[in-house]
Amino acid sequence: MLGNYGLQGALGSVRRRLRAWLLSDKPPESFWRGVGVAPTALSGVTVTDQTALRVTAVLSCVKVLAEPISTLPLTAFDRQANGDKRAVAEQPLSPVLHVLANEEATAQSVRERPCALVLLRGSDCVGVVRGGAGVVRGFWPRAPGSLQLDRPRPSGALAVHVADAGAPPET
């Protein structure tokens, strides 16, 4: 049995590996390999988010969770001077958050995808499209692995480099 120091040391190791993995573009199975959990099943088959979705039970579980979560209302709040929060009735993001996220997809369908990928991969990213004066015009899903996070200095700002397939990287 691990003593208190041994448990703290083990948790610290997992925490460091998780942080390093989150800041990388490695697939989810690489994290489990790093903490000593086998990335393959006993049969020798590697299980990824894509192969897991081929199992009806996994697909059903993801749908049962992601679909209702994506339909929950999104409410913007305004922080009051005394620290309290108050729901904002009308705000510029309302059409994008509640009706159409972009020219091709409803807001609910764009929110469903990140919910599913968080369940399967642990993370996801959605790109924000801005128009004139920085006004948000829409949200577009980003491909898994299309982001590379970089922190040049330990106390510096986090830089996100985006490289979608067939497009030049942008920062």
C-alpha atoms as a PDB file:
ATOM      1  CA  MET A   1       0.000   0.000   0.000  1.00  0.00           C
ATOM      2  CA  LEU A   2       1.300   3.451  -0.867  1.00  0.00           C
ATOM      3  CA  GLY A   3       2.007   5.796   2.007  1.00  0.00           C
ATOM      4  CA  ASN A   4       0.843   9.404   1.888  1.00  0.00           C
ATOM      5  CA  TYR A   5       4.060  10.538   0.176  1.00  0.00           C
ATOM      6  CA  GLY A   6       3.896   7.670  -2.327  1.00  0.00           C
ATOM      7  CA  LEU A   7       0.321   8.516  -3.248  1.00  0.00           C
ATOM      8  CA  GLN A   8       1.142  12.216  -3.607  1.00  0.00           C
ATOM      9  CA  GLY A   9       4.147  11.346  -5.745  1.00  0.00           C
ATOM     10  CA  ALA A  10       2.071   9.063  -7.979  1.00  0.00           C
ATOM     11  CA  LEU A  11      -0.683  11.683  -8.354  1.00  0.00           C
ATOM     12  CA  GLY A  12       1.910  14.354  -9.100  1.00  0.00           C
ATOM     13  CA  SER A  13       3.384  12.156 -11.830  1.00  0.00           C
ATOM     14  CA  VAL A  14      -0.031  11.596 -13.426  1.00  0.00           C
ATOM     15  CA  ARG A  15      -0.803  15.326 -13.117  1.00  0.00           C
ATOM     16  CA  ARG A  16       2.479  16.262 -14.858  1.00  0.00           C
ATOM     17  CA  ARG A  17       1.908  13.731 -17.643  1.00  0.00           C
ATOM     18  CA  LEU A  18      -1.688  14.910 -18.113  1.00  0.00           C
ATOM     19  CA  ARG A  19      -0.591  18.549 -18.346  1.00  0.00           C
ATOM     20  CA  ALA A  20       2.125  17.660 -20.884  1.00  0.00           C
ATOM     21  CA  TRP A  21      -0.338  15.600 -22.921  1.00  0.00           C
ATOM     22  CA  LEU A  22      -2.991  18.360 -22.910  1.00  0.00           C
ATOM     23  CA  LEU A  23      -0.429  20.816 -24.289  1.00  0.00           C
ATOM     24  CA  SER A  24       0.565  18.410 -27.069  1.00  0.00           C
ATOM     25  CA  ASP A  25      -1.209  17.240 -30.203  1.00  0.00           C
ATOM     26  CA  LYS A  26      -0.801  13.558 -29.386  1.00  0.00           C
ATOM     27  CA  PRO A  27      -3.805  11.225 -29.615  1.00  0.00           C
ATOM     28  CA  PRO A  28      -5.607  10.188 -26.409  1.00  0.00           C
ATOM     29  CA  GLU A  29      -4.085   6.707 -26.292  1.00  0.00           C
ATOM     30  CA  SER A  30      -0.590   8.214 -25.880  1.00  0.00           C
ATOM     31  CA  PHE A  31      -1.571   9.584 -22.440  1.00  0.00           C
ATOM     32  CA  TRP A  32      -2.602   6.170 -21.161  1.00  0.00           C
ATOM     33  CA  ARG A  33       0.629   4.638 -22.464  1.00  0.00           C
ATOM     34  CA  GLY A  34       2.590   7.238 -20.489  1.00  0.00           C
ATOM     35  CA  VAL A  35       0.914   6.459 -17.174  1.00  0.00           C
ATOM     36  CA  GLY A  36       1.381   2.717 -17.576  1.00  0.00           C
ATOM     37  CA  VAL A  37      -2.041   1.718 -18.869  1.00  0.00           C
ATOM     38  CA  ALA A  38      -1.886  -0.467 -21.952  1.00  0.00           C
ATOM     39  CA  PRO A  39      -3.227   1.291 -25.082  1.00  0.00           C
ATOM     40  CA  THR A  40      -4.318  -2.015 -26.589  1.00  0.00           C
ATOM     41  CA  ALA A  41      -6.905  -4.518 -25.466  1.00  0.00           C
ATOM     42  CA  LEU A  42      -5.912  -8.032 -24.402  1.00  0.00           C
ATOM     43  CA  SER A  43      -6.734  -9.129 -27.936  1.00  0.00           C
ATOM     44  CA  GLY A  44      -3.981  -6.848 -29.242  1.00  0.00           C
ATOM     45  CA  VAL A  45      -6.424  -4.442 -30.906  1.00  0.00           C
ATOM     46  CA  THR A  46      -5.762  -0.752 -30.368  1.00  0.00           C
ATOM     47  CA  VAL A  47      -8.890   1.065 -29.208  1.00  0.00           C
ATOM     48  CA  THR A  48      -9.300   4.707 -30.239  1.00  0.00           C
ATOM     49  CA  ASP A  49     -12.269   7.045 -30.228  1.00  0.00           C
ATOM     50  CA  GLN A  50     -12.969   6.170 -33.864  1.00  0.00           C
ATOM     51  CA  THR A  51     -12.813   2.398 -33.367  1.00  0.00           C
ATOM     52  CA  ALA A  52     -14.877   2.640 -30.160  1.00  0.00           C
ATOM     53  CA  LEU A  53     -17.684   4.384 -32.064  1.00  0.00           C
ATOM     54  CA  ARG A  54     -18.040   1.259 -34.217  1.00  0.00           C
ATOM     55  CA  VAL A  55     -19.421  -0.506 -31.139  1.00  0.00           C
ATOM     56  CA  THR A  56     -23.132   0.203 -30.939  1.00  0.00           C
ATOM     57  CA  ALA A  57     -23.118   0.418 -27.132  1.00  0.00           C
ATOM     58  CA  VAL A  58     -20.396   3.109 -27.139  1.00  0.00           C
ATOM     59  CA  LEU A  59     -22.118   5.100 -29.882  1.00  0.00           C
ATOM     60  CA  SER A  60     -25.430   4.892 -28.025  1.00  0.00           C
ATOM     61  CA  CYS A  61     -23.880   6.031 -24.724  1.00  0.00           C
ATOM     62  CA  VAL A  62     -22.182   8.988 -26.392  1.00  0.00           C
ATOM     63  CA  LYS A  63     -25.419   9.985 -28.151  1.00  0.00           C
ATOM     64  CA  VAL A  64     -27.475   9.599 -24.954  1.00  0.00           C
ATOM     65  CA  LEU A  65     -25.155  12.045 -23.180  1.00  0.00           C
ATOM     66  CA  ALA A  66     -24.114  14.468 -25.964  1.00  0.00           C
ATOM     67  CA  GLU A  67     -27.525  15.126 -27.519  1.00  0.00           C
ATOM     68  CA  PRO A  68     -29.346  16.346 -24.385  1.00  0.00           C
ATOM     69  CA  ILE A  69     -26.315  18.275 -23.120  1.00  0.00           C
ATOM     70  CA  SER A  70     -26.125  20.158 -26.428  1.00  0.00           C
ATOM     71  CA  THR A  71     -29.768  21.229 -26.089  1.00  0.00           C
ATOM     72  CA  LEU A  72     -29.353  22.798 -22.648  1.00  0.00           C
ATOM     73  CA  PRO A  73     -29.957  26.551 -22.712  1.00  0.00           C
ATOM     74  CA  LEU A  74     -26.902  28.784 -22.843  1.00  0.00           C
ATOM     75  CA  THR A  75     -27.426  31.899 -20.797  1.00  0.00           C
ATOM     76  CA  ALA A  76     -25.068  34.861 -20.692  1.00  0.00           C
ATOM     77  CA  PHE A  77     -24.604  36.545 -17.340  1.00  0.00           C
ATOM     78  CA  ASP A  78     -23.529  40.049 -16.425  1.00  0.00           C
ATOM     79  CA  ARG A  79     -21.485  40.542 -13.263  1.00  0.00           C
ATOM     80  CA  GLN A  80     -22.889  43.270 -11.038  1.00  0.00           C
ATOM     81  CA  ALA A  81     -20.800  45.786  -9.086  1.00  0.00           C
ATOM     82  CA  ASN A  82     -21.502  43.915  -5.834  1.00  0.00           C
ATOM     83  CA  GLY A  83     -20.250  40.615  -7.356  1.00  0.00           C
ATOM     84  CA  ASP A  84     -23.658  39.092  -8.054  1.00  0.00           C
ATOM     85  CA  LYS A  85     -24.558  37.723 -11.493  1.00  0.00           C
ATOM     86  CA  ARG A  86     -27.649  38.642 -13.506  1.00  0.00           C
ATOM     87  CA  ALA A  87     -28.903  36.913 -16.650  1.00  0.00           C
ATOM     88  CA  VAL A  88     -28.691  39.096 -19.758  1.00  0.00           C
ATOM     89  CA  ALA A  89     -31.904  39.046 -21.810  1.00  0.00           C
ATOM     90  CA  GLU A  90     -30.499  40.173 -25.182  1.00  0.00           C
ATOM     91  CA  GLN A  91     -26.902  40.049 -26.267  1.00  0.00           C
ATOM     92  CA  PRO A  92     -25.053  39.964 -29.617  1.00  0.00           C
ATOM     93  CA  LEU A  93     -24.198  36.236 -29.392  1.00  0.00           C
ATOM     94  CA  SER A  94     -27.797  35.069 -28.976  1.00  0.00           C
ATOM     95  CA  PRO A  95     -28.432  34.204 -32.666  1.00  0.00           C
ATOM     96  CA  VAL A  96     -25.098  32.382 -32.968  1.00  0.00           C
ATOM     97  CA  LEU A  97     -25.505  30.459 -29.695  1.00  0.00           C
ATOM     98  CA  HIS A  98     -29.168  29.553 -30.082  1.00  0.00           C
ATOM     99  CA  VAL A  99     -30.139  29.404 -33.773  1.00  0.00           C
ATOM    100  CA  LEU A 100     -27.395  29.088 -36.413  1.00  0.00           C
ATOM    101  CA  ALA A 101     -23.772  28.613 -35.370  1.00  0.00           C
ATOM    102  CA  ASN A 102     -22.616  29.210 -38.956  1.00  0.00           C
ATOM    103  CA  GLU A 103     -24.009  29.241 -42.506  1.00  0.00           C
ATOM    104  CA  GLU A 104     -24.237  25.434 -42.651  1.00  0.00           C
ATOM    105  CA  ALA A 105     -25.119  24.150 -39.175  1.00  0.00           C
ATOM    106  CA  THR A 106     -27.522  24.789 -36.355  1.00  0.00           C
ATOM    107  CA  ALA A 107     -26.187  25.885 -33.000  1.00  0.00           C
ATOM    108  CA  GLN A 108     -27.372  22.637 -31.399  1.00  0.00           C
ATOM    109  CA  SER A 109     -25.508  20.433 -33.902  1.00  0.00           C
ATOM    110  CA  VAL A 110     -22.287  22.421 -33.473  1.00  0.00           C
ATOM    111  CA  ARG A 111     -22.578  22.120 -29.669  1.00  0.00           C
ATOM    112  CA  GLU A 112     -23.279  18.373 -29.875  1.00  0.00           C
ATOM    113  CA  ARG A 113     -19.954  17.583 -31.538  1.00  0.00           C
ATOM    114  CA  PRO A 114     -17.747  19.040 -28.762  1.00  0.00           C
ATOM    115  CA  CYS A 115     -19.849  17.222 -26.167  1.00  0.00           C
ATOM    116  CA  ALA A 116     -19.264  13.914 -27.951  1.00  0.00           C
ATOM    117  CA  LEU A 117     -15.543  14.527 -28.448  1.00  0.00           C
ATOM    118  CA  VAL A 118     -15.049  15.520 -24.815  1.00  0.00           C
ATOM    119  CA  LEU A 119     -16.625  12.197 -23.852  1.00  0.00           C
ATOM    120  CA  LEU A 120     -14.449  10.253 -26.300  1.00  0.00           C
ATOM    121  CA  ARG A 121     -11.139  12.170 -26.395  1.00  0.00           C
ATOM    122  CA  GLY A 122     -11.260  14.398 -23.347  1.00  0.00           C
ATOM    123  CA  SER A 123     -11.102  17.663 -25.287  1.00  0.00           C
ATOM    124  CA  ASP A 124     -12.259  19.523 -28.376  1.00  0.00           C
ATOM    125  CA  CYS A 125     -12.022  22.973 -29.910  1.00  0.00           C
ATOM    126  CA  VAL A 126     -14.385  25.183 -31.869  1.00  0.00           C
ATOM    127  CA  GLY A 127     -13.122  28.079 -33.974  1.00  0.00           C
ATOM    128  CA  VAL A 128     -14.677  31.520 -33.685  1.00  0.00           C
ATOM    129  CA  VAL A 129     -15.307  33.470 -36.904  1.00  0.00           C
ATOM    130  CA  ARG A 130     -15.340  37.229 -36.412  1.00  0.00           C
ATOM    131  CA  GLY A 131     -16.638  39.886 -38.739  1.00  0.00           C
ATOM    132  CA  GLY A 132     -16.028  43.614 -38.800  1.00  0.00           C
ATOM    133  CA  ALA A 133     -15.226  45.267 -35.460  1.00  0.00           C
ATOM    134  CA  GLY A 134     -14.629  41.846 -33.907  1.00  0.00           C
ATOM    135  CA  VAL A 135     -18.303  40.847 -33.898  1.00  0.00           C
ATOM    136  CA  VAL A 136     -18.746  37.074 -33.663  1.00  0.00           C
ATOM    137  CA  ARG A 137     -20.382  35.769 -36.861  1.00  0.00           C
ATOM    138  CA  GLY A 138     -20.205  32.046 -36.202  1.00  0.00           C
ATOM    139  CA  PHE A 139     -18.545  28.980 -34.747  1.00  0.00           C
ATOM    140  CA  TRP A 140     -16.896  26.204 -36.774  1.00  0.00           C
ATOM    141  CA  PRO A 141     -15.696  22.853 -35.423  1.00  0.00           C
ATOM    142  CA  ARG A 142     -11.940  22.277 -35.596  1.00  0.00           C
ATOM    143  CA  ALA A 143     -10.472  18.914 -36.554  1.00  0.00           C
ATOM    144  CA  PRO A 144      -8.952  16.948 -33.667  1.00  0.00           C
ATOM    145  CA  GLY A 145      -5.209  17.432 -33.721  1.00  0.00           C
ATOM    146  CA  SER A 146      -5.387  20.671 -35.724  1.00  0.00           C
ATOM    147  CA  LEU A 147      -4.244  22.765 -32.743  1.00  0.00           C
ATOM    148  CA  GLN A 148      -0.787  23.025 -31.293  1.00  0.00           C
ATOM    149  CA  LEU A 149      -0.431  24.802 -27.974  1.00  0.00           C
ATOM    150  CA  ASP A 150       2.817  26.564 -27.200  1.00  0.00           C
ATOM    151  CA  ARG A 151       3.934  28.474 -24.129  1.00  0.00           C
ATOM    152  CA  PRO A 152       7.320  30.056 -24.991  1.00  0.00           C
ATOM    153  CA  ARG A 153       8.031  31.047 -21.384  1.00  0.00           C
ATOM    154  CA  PRO A 154       6.709  29.310 -18.260  1.00  0.00           C
ATOM    155  CA  SER A 155       4.926  32.473 -17.128  1.00  0.00           C
ATOM    156  CA  GLY A 156       4.093  33.678 -20.659  1.00  0.00           C
ATOM    157  CA  ALA A 157       0.836  33.649 -22.545  1.00  0.00           C
ATOM    158  CA  LEU A 158      -0.367  30.486 -24.223  1.00  0.00           C
ATOM    159  CA  ALA A 159      -0.144  30.636 -28.025  1.00  0.00           C
ATOM    160  CA  VAL A 160      -2.474  28.493 -30.109  1.00  0.00           C
ATOM    161  CA  HIS A 161      -1.331  27.537 -33.618  1.00  0.00           C
ATOM    162  CA  VAL A 162      -4.118  26.282 -35.894  1.00  0.00           C
ATOM    163  CA  ALA A 163      -3.388  24.156 -38.948  1.00  0.00           C
ATOM    164  CA  ASP A 164      -6.449  22.642 -40.631  1.00  0.00           C
ATOM    165  CA  ALA A 165      -5.811  20.150 -43.400  1.00  0.00           C
ATOM    166  CA  GLY A 166      -4.923  21.968 -46.604  1.00  0.00           C
ATOM    167  CA  ALA A 167      -4.717  25.395 -44.942  1.00  0.00           C
ATOM    168  CA  PRO A 168      -1.635  27.334 -43.867  1.00  0.00           C
ATOM    169  CA  PRO A 169      -1.106  27.539 -40.080  1.00  0.00           C
ATOM    170  CA  GLU A 170      -2.465  30.626 -38.344  1.00  0.00           C
ATOM    171  CA  THR A 171      -1.793  31.942 -34.852  1.00  0.00           C
END
